Each structure stands twice: as structure tokens, then as C-alpha cells.
C-alpha atoms as a PDB file:
ATOM      1  CA  MET A   1     113.716  59.687  58.926  1.00  0.00           C
ATOM      2  CA  LEU A   2     112.984  59.497  62.658  1.00  0.00           C
ATOM      3  CA  TRP A   3     115.302  62.443  63.242  1.00  0.00           C
ATOM      4  CA  ILE A   4     113.446  64.530  60.680  1.00  0.00           C
ATOM      5  CA  ILE A   5     110.075  63.757  62.284  1.00  0.00           C
ATOM      6  CA  ALA A   6     111.488  64.494  65.747  1.00  0.00           C
ATOM      7  CA  GLY A   7     112.953  67.765  64.416  1.00  0.00           C
ATOM      8  CA  VAL A   8     109.627  68.833  62.879  1.00  0.00           C
ATOM      9  CA  VAL A   9     107.748  67.981  66.085  1.00  0.00           C
ATOM     10  CA  LEU A  10     110.336  69.910  68.102  1.00  0.00           C
ATOM     11  CA  VAL A  11     110.023  72.955  65.813  1.00  0.00           C
ATOM     12  CA  ILE A  12     106.209  72.834  66.048  1.00  0.00           C
ATOM     13  CA  LEU A  13     106.363  72.444  69.812  1.00  0.00           C
ATOM     14  CA  LEU A  14     108.818  75.324  70.096  1.00  0.00           C
ATOM     15  CA  PHE A  15     106.567  77.471  67.913  1.00  0.00           C
ATOM     16  CA  VAL A  16     103.517  76.694  70.100  1.00  0.00           C
ATOM     17  CA  VAL A  17     105.485  77.578  73.237  1.00  0.00           C
ATOM     18  CA  LEU A  18     106.656  80.884  71.742  1.00  0.00           C
ATOM     19  CA  VAL A  19     103.150  81.824  70.586  1.00  0.00           C
ATOM     20  CA  TYR A  20     101.645  80.843  73.936  1.00  0.00           C
ATOM     21  CA  ASN A  21     104.241  82.881  75.833  1.00  0.00           C
ATOM     22  CA  SER A  22     103.676  85.949  73.650  1.00  0.00           C
ATOM     23  CA  LEU A  23      99.922  85.715  74.322  1.00  0.00           C
ATOM     24  CA  VAL A  24     100.571  85.433  78.059  1.00  0.00           C
ATOM     25  CA  VAL A  25     102.759  88.550  77.937  1.00  0.00           C
ATOM     26  CA  LEU A  26     100.008  90.487  76.148  1.00  0.00           C
ATOM     27  CA  ARG A  27      97.341  89.264  78.574  1.00  0.00           C
ATOM     28  CA  ASN A  28      99.514  90.257  81.534  1.00  0.00           C
ATOM     29  CA  ARG A  29     100.102  93.686  79.988  1.00  0.00           C
ATOM     30  CA  ILE A  30      96.326  94.181  79.872  1.00  0.00           C
ATOM     31  CA  GLU A  31      95.962  93.134  83.503  1.00  0.00           C
ATOM     32  CA  ASN A  32      98.747  95.533  84.479  1.00  0.00           C
ATOM     33  CA  ALA A  33      97.170  98.339  82.473  1.00  0.00           C
ATOM     34  CA  TRP A  34      93.829  97.707  84.183  1.00  0.00           C
ATOM     35  CA  ALA A  35      95.552  97.740  87.575  1.00  0.00           C
ATOM     36  CA  GLN A  36      97.037 101.162  86.738  1.00  0.00           C
ATOM     37  CA  ILE A  37      93.583 102.500  85.843  1.00  0.00           C
ATOM     38  CA  ASP A  38      92.186 101.003  89.024  1.00  0.00           C
ATOM     39  CA  VAL A  39      94.865 102.698  91.156  1.00  0.00           C
ATOM     40  CA  GLN A  40      94.080 106.116  89.667  1.00  0.00           C
ATOM     41  CA  LEU A  41      90.330 105.585  89.967  1.00  0.00           C
ATOM     42  CA  LYS A  42      90.780 104.595  93.619  1.00  0.00           C
ATOM     43  CA  LYS A  43      92.812 107.756  94.264  1.00  0.00           C
ATOM     44  CA  ARG A  44      90.082 109.853  92.706  1.00  0.00           C
ATOM     45  CA  HIS A  45      87.353 108.048  94.637  1.00  0.00           C
ATOM     46  CA  ASP A  46      89.261 108.549  97.885  1.00  0.00           C
ATOM     47  CA  MET A  47      89.366 112.299  97.189  1.00  0.00           C
ATOM     48  CA  ILE A  48      85.629 112.626  96.502  1.00  0.00           C
ATOM     49  CA  PRO A  49      84.545 112.879 100.184  1.00  0.00           C
ATOM     50  CA  ASN A  50      87.079 115.693 100.734  1.00  0.00           C
ATOM     51  CA  LEU A  51      85.815 117.519  97.665  1.00  0.00           C
ATOM     52  CA  VAL A  52      82.193 117.120  98.705  1.00  0.00           C
ATOM     53  CA  GLU A  53      82.972 118.438 102.198  1.00  0.00           C
ATOM     54  CA  ALA A  54      84.822 121.429 100.763  1.00  0.00           C
ATOM     55  CA  VAL A  55      81.890 122.268  98.511  1.00  0.00           C
ATOM     56  CA  LYS A  56      78.897 121.472 100.755  1.00  0.00           C
ATOM     57  CA  GLY A  57      78.890 124.711 102.697  1.00  0.00           C
ATOM     58  CA  TYR A  58      78.891 126.822  99.566  1.00  0.00           C
ATOM     59  CA  MET A  59      76.461 124.833  97.442  1.00  0.00           C
ATOM     60  CA  LYS A  60      73.547 124.164  99.776  1.00  0.00           C
ATOM     61  CA  HIS A  61      71.020 124.269  96.940  1.00  0.00           C
ATOM     62  CA  GLU A  62      72.813 121.783  94.689  1.00  0.00           C
ATOM     63  CA  ARG A  63      71.663 118.487  96.249  1.00  0.00           C
ATOM     64  CA  GLY A  64      71.272 116.816  92.841  1.00  0.00           C
ATOM     65  CA  VAL A  65      74.979 117.132  92.107  1.00  0.00           C
ATOM     66  CA  PHE A  66      75.916 115.545  95.436  1.00  0.00           C
ATOM     67  CA  THR A  67      73.380 112.768  94.911  1.00  0.00           C
ATOM     68  CA  GLU A  68      74.867 111.935  91.491  1.00  0.00           C
ATOM     69  CA  ILE A  69      78.401 111.895  92.880  1.00  0.00           C
ATOM     70  CA  THR A  70      77.358 109.609  95.724  1.00  0.00           C
ATOM     71  CA  LYS A  71      75.493 107.229  93.374  1.00  0.00           C
ATOM     72  CA  ALA A  72      78.444 107.078  90.989  1.00  0.00           C
ATOM     73  CA  ARG A  73      80.945 106.473  93.759  1.00  0.00           C
ATOM     74  CA  THR A  74      78.784 103.701  95.230  1.00  0.00           C
ATOM     75  CA  ALA A  75      78.332 102.104  91.809  1.00  0.00           C
ATOM     76  CA  PHE A  76      82.089 102.095  91.290  1.00  0.00           C
ATOM     77  CA  MET A  77      82.754 100.471  94.650  1.00  0.00           C
ATOM     78  CA  LYS A  78      80.263  97.697  93.826  1.00  0.00           C
ATOM     79  CA  ALA A  79      81.496  97.176  90.244  1.00  0.00           C
ATOM     80  CA  LYS A  80      83.337  93.922  89.535  1.00  0.00           C
ATOM     81  CA  THR A  81      83.985  93.823  85.774  1.00  0.00           C
ATOM     82  CA  VAL A  82      85.822  96.226  83.500  1.00  0.00           C
ATOM     83  CA  GLU A  83      82.524  97.170  81.855  1.00  0.00           C
ATOM     84  CA  GLU A  84      80.808  97.889  85.193  1.00  0.00           C
ATOM     85  CA  LYS A  85      83.755  99.936  86.441  1.00  0.00           C
ATOM     86  CA  ALA A  86      83.956 101.856  83.168  1.00  0.00           C
ATOM     87  CA  LYS A  87      80.248 102.691  83.346  1.00  0.00           C
ATOM     88  CA  ALA A  88      80.499 103.809  86.984  1.00  0.00           C
ATOM     89  CA  ASP A  89      83.641 105.800  86.228  1.00  0.00           C
ATOM     90  CA  ASN A  90      81.950 107.537  83.320  1.00  0.00           C
ATOM     91  CA  MET A  91      79.004 108.368  85.584  1.00  0.00           C
ATOM     92  CA  LEU A  92      81.361 109.844  88.192  1.00  0.00           C
ATOM     93  CA  ALA A  93      83.340 111.803  85.604  1.00  0.00           C
ATOM     94  CA  GLY A  94      80.096 113.377  84.388  1.00  0.00           C
ATOM     95  CA  ALA A  95      79.029 114.228  87.946  1.00  0.00           C
ATOM     96  CA  LEU A  96      82.410 115.833  88.655  1.00  0.00           C
ATOM     97  CA  LYS A  97      82.179 117.875  85.439  1.00  0.00           C
ATOM     98  CA  THR A  98      78.778 119.094  86.579  1.00  0.00           C
ATOM     99  CA  LEU A  99      80.121 119.899  90.050  1.00  0.00           C
ATOM    100  CA  PHE A 100      82.992 121.948  88.664  1.00  0.00           C
ATOM    101  CA  ALA A 101      80.661 123.692  86.197  1.00  0.00           C
ATOM    102  CA  VAL A 102      78.232 124.571  88.992  1.00  0.00           C
ATOM    103  CA  ALA A 103      81.150 125.746  91.156  1.00  0.00           C
ATOM    104  CA  GLU A 104      81.782 128.485  88.592  1.00  0.00           C
ATOM    105  CA  ASN A 105      78.639 130.196  89.926  1.00  0.00           C
ATOM    106  CA  TYR A 106      80.082 130.409  93.464  1.00  0.00           C
ATOM    107  CA  PRO A 107      82.931 132.955  93.534  1.00  0.00           C
ATOM    108  CA  LYS A 108      83.734 132.324  97.214  1.00  0.00           C
ATOM    109  CA  LEU A 109      84.026 128.606  96.515  1.00  0.00           C
ATOM    110  CA  ARG A 110      86.321 129.184  93.544  1.00  0.00           C
ATOM    111  CA  ALA A 111      88.483 131.373  95.771  1.00  0.00           C
ATOM    112  CA  SER A 112      88.697 128.689  98.470  1.00  0.00           C
ATOM    113  CA  GLU A 113      92.263 127.394  98.670  1.00  0.00           C
ATOM    114  CA  ASN A 114      91.095 123.932  99.746  1.00  0.00           C
ATOM    115  CA  PHE A 115      88.680 123.668  96.816  1.00  0.00           C
ATOM    116  CA  MET A 116      91.295 124.887  94.354  1.00  0.00           C
ATOM    117  CA  GLN A 117      93.830 122.354  95.619  1.00  0.00           C
ATOM    118  CA  LEU A 118      91.323 119.499  95.426  1.00  0.00           C
ATOM    119  CA  GLN A 119      90.223 120.567  91.956  1.00  0.00           C
ATOM    120  CA  GLU A 120      93.849 120.675  90.799  1.00  0.00           C
ATOM    121  CA  GLU A 121      94.611 117.242  92.285  1.00  0.00           C
ATOM    122  CA  ILE A 122      91.518 115.698  90.690  1.00  0.00           C
ATOM    123  CA  SER A 123      92.422 117.315  87.380  1.00  0.00           C
ATOM    124  CA  GLY A 124      95.889 115.739  87.586  1.00  0.00           C
ATOM    125  CA  ILE A 125      94.379 112.362  88.402  1.00  0.00           C
ATOM    126  CA  GLU A 126      91.967 112.738  85.460  1.00  0.00           C
ATOM    127  CA  SER A 127      94.964 113.198  83.160  1.00  0.00           C
ATOM    128  CA  LYS A 128      96.597 110.076  84.570  1.00  0.00           C
ATOM    129  CA  ILE A 129      93.347 108.145  84.162  1.00  0.00           C
ATOM    130  CA  ALA A 130      93.094 109.257  80.532  1.00  0.00           C
ATOM    131  CA  TYR A 131      96.649 108.099  79.869  1.00  0.00           C
ATOM    132  CA  ALA A 132      96.066 104.794  81.686  1.00  0.00           C
ATOM    133  CA  ARG A 133      92.860 104.207  79.694  1.00  0.00           C
ATOM    134  CA  GLN A 134      94.728 104.829  76.469  1.00  0.00           C
ATOM    135  CA  PHE A 135      97.484 102.393  77.464  1.00  0.00           C
ATOM    136  CA  TYR A 136      94.883  99.810  78.496  1.00  0.00           C
ATOM    137  CA  ASN A 137      93.002 100.141  75.203  1.00  0.00           C
ATOM    138  CA  ASP A 138      96.257  99.974  73.213  1.00  0.00           C
ATOM    139  CA  SER A 139      97.148  96.780  75.101  1.00  0.00           C
ATOM    140  CA  VAL A 140      93.686  95.320  74.456  1.00  0.00           C
ATOM    141  CA  LEU A 141      94.028  96.193  70.760  1.00  0.00           C
ATOM    142  CA  ALA A 142      97.379  94.391  70.470  1.00  0.00           C
ATOM    143  CA  TYR A 143      96.083  91.350  72.381  1.00  0.00           C
ATOM    144  CA  ASN A 144      92.743  91.089  70.547  1.00  0.00           C
ATOM    145  CA  ALA A 145      94.432  91.503  67.176  1.00  0.00           C
ATOM    146  CA  LYS A 146      96.989  88.827  68.009  1.00  0.00           C
ATOM    147  CA  ILE A 147      94.431  86.223  69.118  1.00  0.00           C
ATOM    148  CA  GLN A 148      92.527  86.766  65.860  1.00  0.00           C
ATOM    149  CA  GLN A 149      95.558  86.338  63.580  1.00  0.00           C
ATOM    150  CA  PHE A 150      96.523  83.025  62.051  1.00  0.00           C
ATOM    151  CA  PRO A 151      98.157  80.853  63.482  1.00  0.00           C
ATOM    152  CA  TYR A 152      97.861  82.582  66.876  1.00  0.00           C
ATOM    153  CA  ASN A 153      94.080  82.138  66.763  1.00  0.00           C
ATOM    154  CA  ILE A 154      94.473  78.351  66.792  1.00  0.00           C
ATOM    155  CA  ILE A 155      96.731  78.350  69.824  1.00  0.00           C
ATOM    156  CA  ALA A 156      94.623  81.044  71.540  1.00  0.00           C
ATOM    157  CA  GLY A 157      91.544  78.890  71.050  1.00  0.00           C
ATOM    158  CA  LEU A 158      93.268  75.769  72.341  1.00  0.00           C
ATOM    159  CA  PHE A 159      94.439  77.496  75.519  1.00  0.00           C
ATOM    160  CA  GLY A 160      91.323  79.567  76.233  1.00  0.00           C
ATOM    161  CA  PHE A 161      92.544  83.067  75.390  1.00  0.00           C
ATOM    162  CA  ARG A 162      89.434  85.240  74.928  1.00  0.00           C
ATOM    163  CA  GLU A 163      88.958  88.785  73.710  1.00  0.00           C
ATOM    164  CA  LYS A 164      89.192  91.526  76.330  1.00  0.00           C
ATOM    165  CA  PRO A 165      86.797  94.494  76.479  1.00  0.00           C
ATOM    166  CA  TYR A 166      87.854  98.049  75.735  1.00  0.00           C
ATOM    167  CA  PHE A 167      87.411 100.798  78.308  1.00  0.00           C
ATOM    168  CA  LYS A 168      84.768 102.924  76.559  1.00  0.00           C
ATOM    169  CA  ALA A 169      83.074 106.189  77.371  1.00  0.00           C
ATOM    170  CA  GLU A 170      79.297 106.157  77.352  1.00  0.00           C
ATOM    171  CA  ALA A 171      77.676 108.288  74.647  1.00  0.00           C
ATOM    172  CA  VAL A 172      76.254 110.531  77.368  1.00  0.00           C
ATOM    173  CA  GLU A 173      79.736 111.142  78.747  1.00  0.00           C
ATOM    174  CA  ARG A 174      81.019 112.434  75.413  1.00  0.00           C
ATOM    175  CA  LYS A 175      78.661 115.416  75.493  1.00  0.00           C
ATOM    176  CA  ASN A 176      79.522 118.740  77.084  1.00  0.00           C
ATOM    177  CA  VAL A 177      78.016 119.388  80.495  1.00  0.00           C
ATOM    178  CA  LYS A 178      75.075 121.791  80.436  1.00  0.00           C
ATOM    179  CA  VAL A 179      74.203 123.535  83.657  1.00  0.00           C
ATOM    180  CA  ARG A 180      70.795 125.192  84.001  1.00  0.00           C
ATOM    181  CA  PHE A 181      69.470 127.256  86.889  1.00  0.00           C
END
């Protein structure tokens, strides 16, 4: 009888360890996915001063665009949480869309090799950010679903596993950019 009880306890203990380890793997995948987003966002933010310098001479009358880019970049640098960084990133993405839309009205700027190269690099980074966001959100989905499923939810609760936030676009950022002169 003692062997049966010891066997059951061992099976339960083994099950708890396996569940715990699977939750740790999912949590680490989310942290890795966030780190990948952060790397791409940092690359983009490092390119912003170069882009602004390339554009400044051509767009002297577009101070509002530069102000928005500067505010968004500053907000991102100060952001600590995923939600704060997502909000700042969405603000910057909108400002960059506006900048590129306004640039369409400056033929000499569009013809500038430096501007074209920067625009192409930022466009490539935007694609990588979109992919990284998707991977992050897929990882969050798998993790959040797992910690809500029985019996994982019991072990998740015991060991302090909490839901992770999704990287969401603000409603304003989903709209097309409208440029008015």
C-alpha cells in the first residue's frame, strides 16, 4: 500500500514539474519575443535622427510632423511596460506615416538618395516589427490560454504565473493617414 501511495505522489509530483516547466518555456518565449520587438524598435528609433536630418532642409514648413516624431521617440525611450512601449510605438508609426505622406509633396526630397535609402531601411524594419509583433502576440496567446486551462490554471496560480498583455495598435493608428495643406 505504501508503494502505491508513493507511486501516486511521484506521478503527481512529476506532473506538476512537467506543467511548471511547460509554463516557464512559454513565459520565456514571450520574453524572447518581446526582446525581438524591442531590438527592431531600437533600430528604428536610432534611425529617426538621420531621417529627420535628411528631411529638415526640404520640409521647413512642416514643424508639426517633426514635433510629433520627437514626442513619440521621447515617449518610447521613457516607456517601461509593454503597454507604454506599444502606445509610444504606435504614436511613432503614425508620425512616420505622416512624414512619408507629406514627403510625397516634395519631389526633390523624394529624389534624394539619402532619403530613399532611409525610407527603404525603415520600411524593412517596419516589416520586421510587424512579424515580431505577430510572433509576440502568438506567444502571448499560447501562454494565456495555457494558464487558463485546467489543470494548468491550478499550477499557474500556485506559482504566480499571470496573464501577459498583447501588443495592440491604438484605434487611431488603424486609420489611414490624412494629410491636409
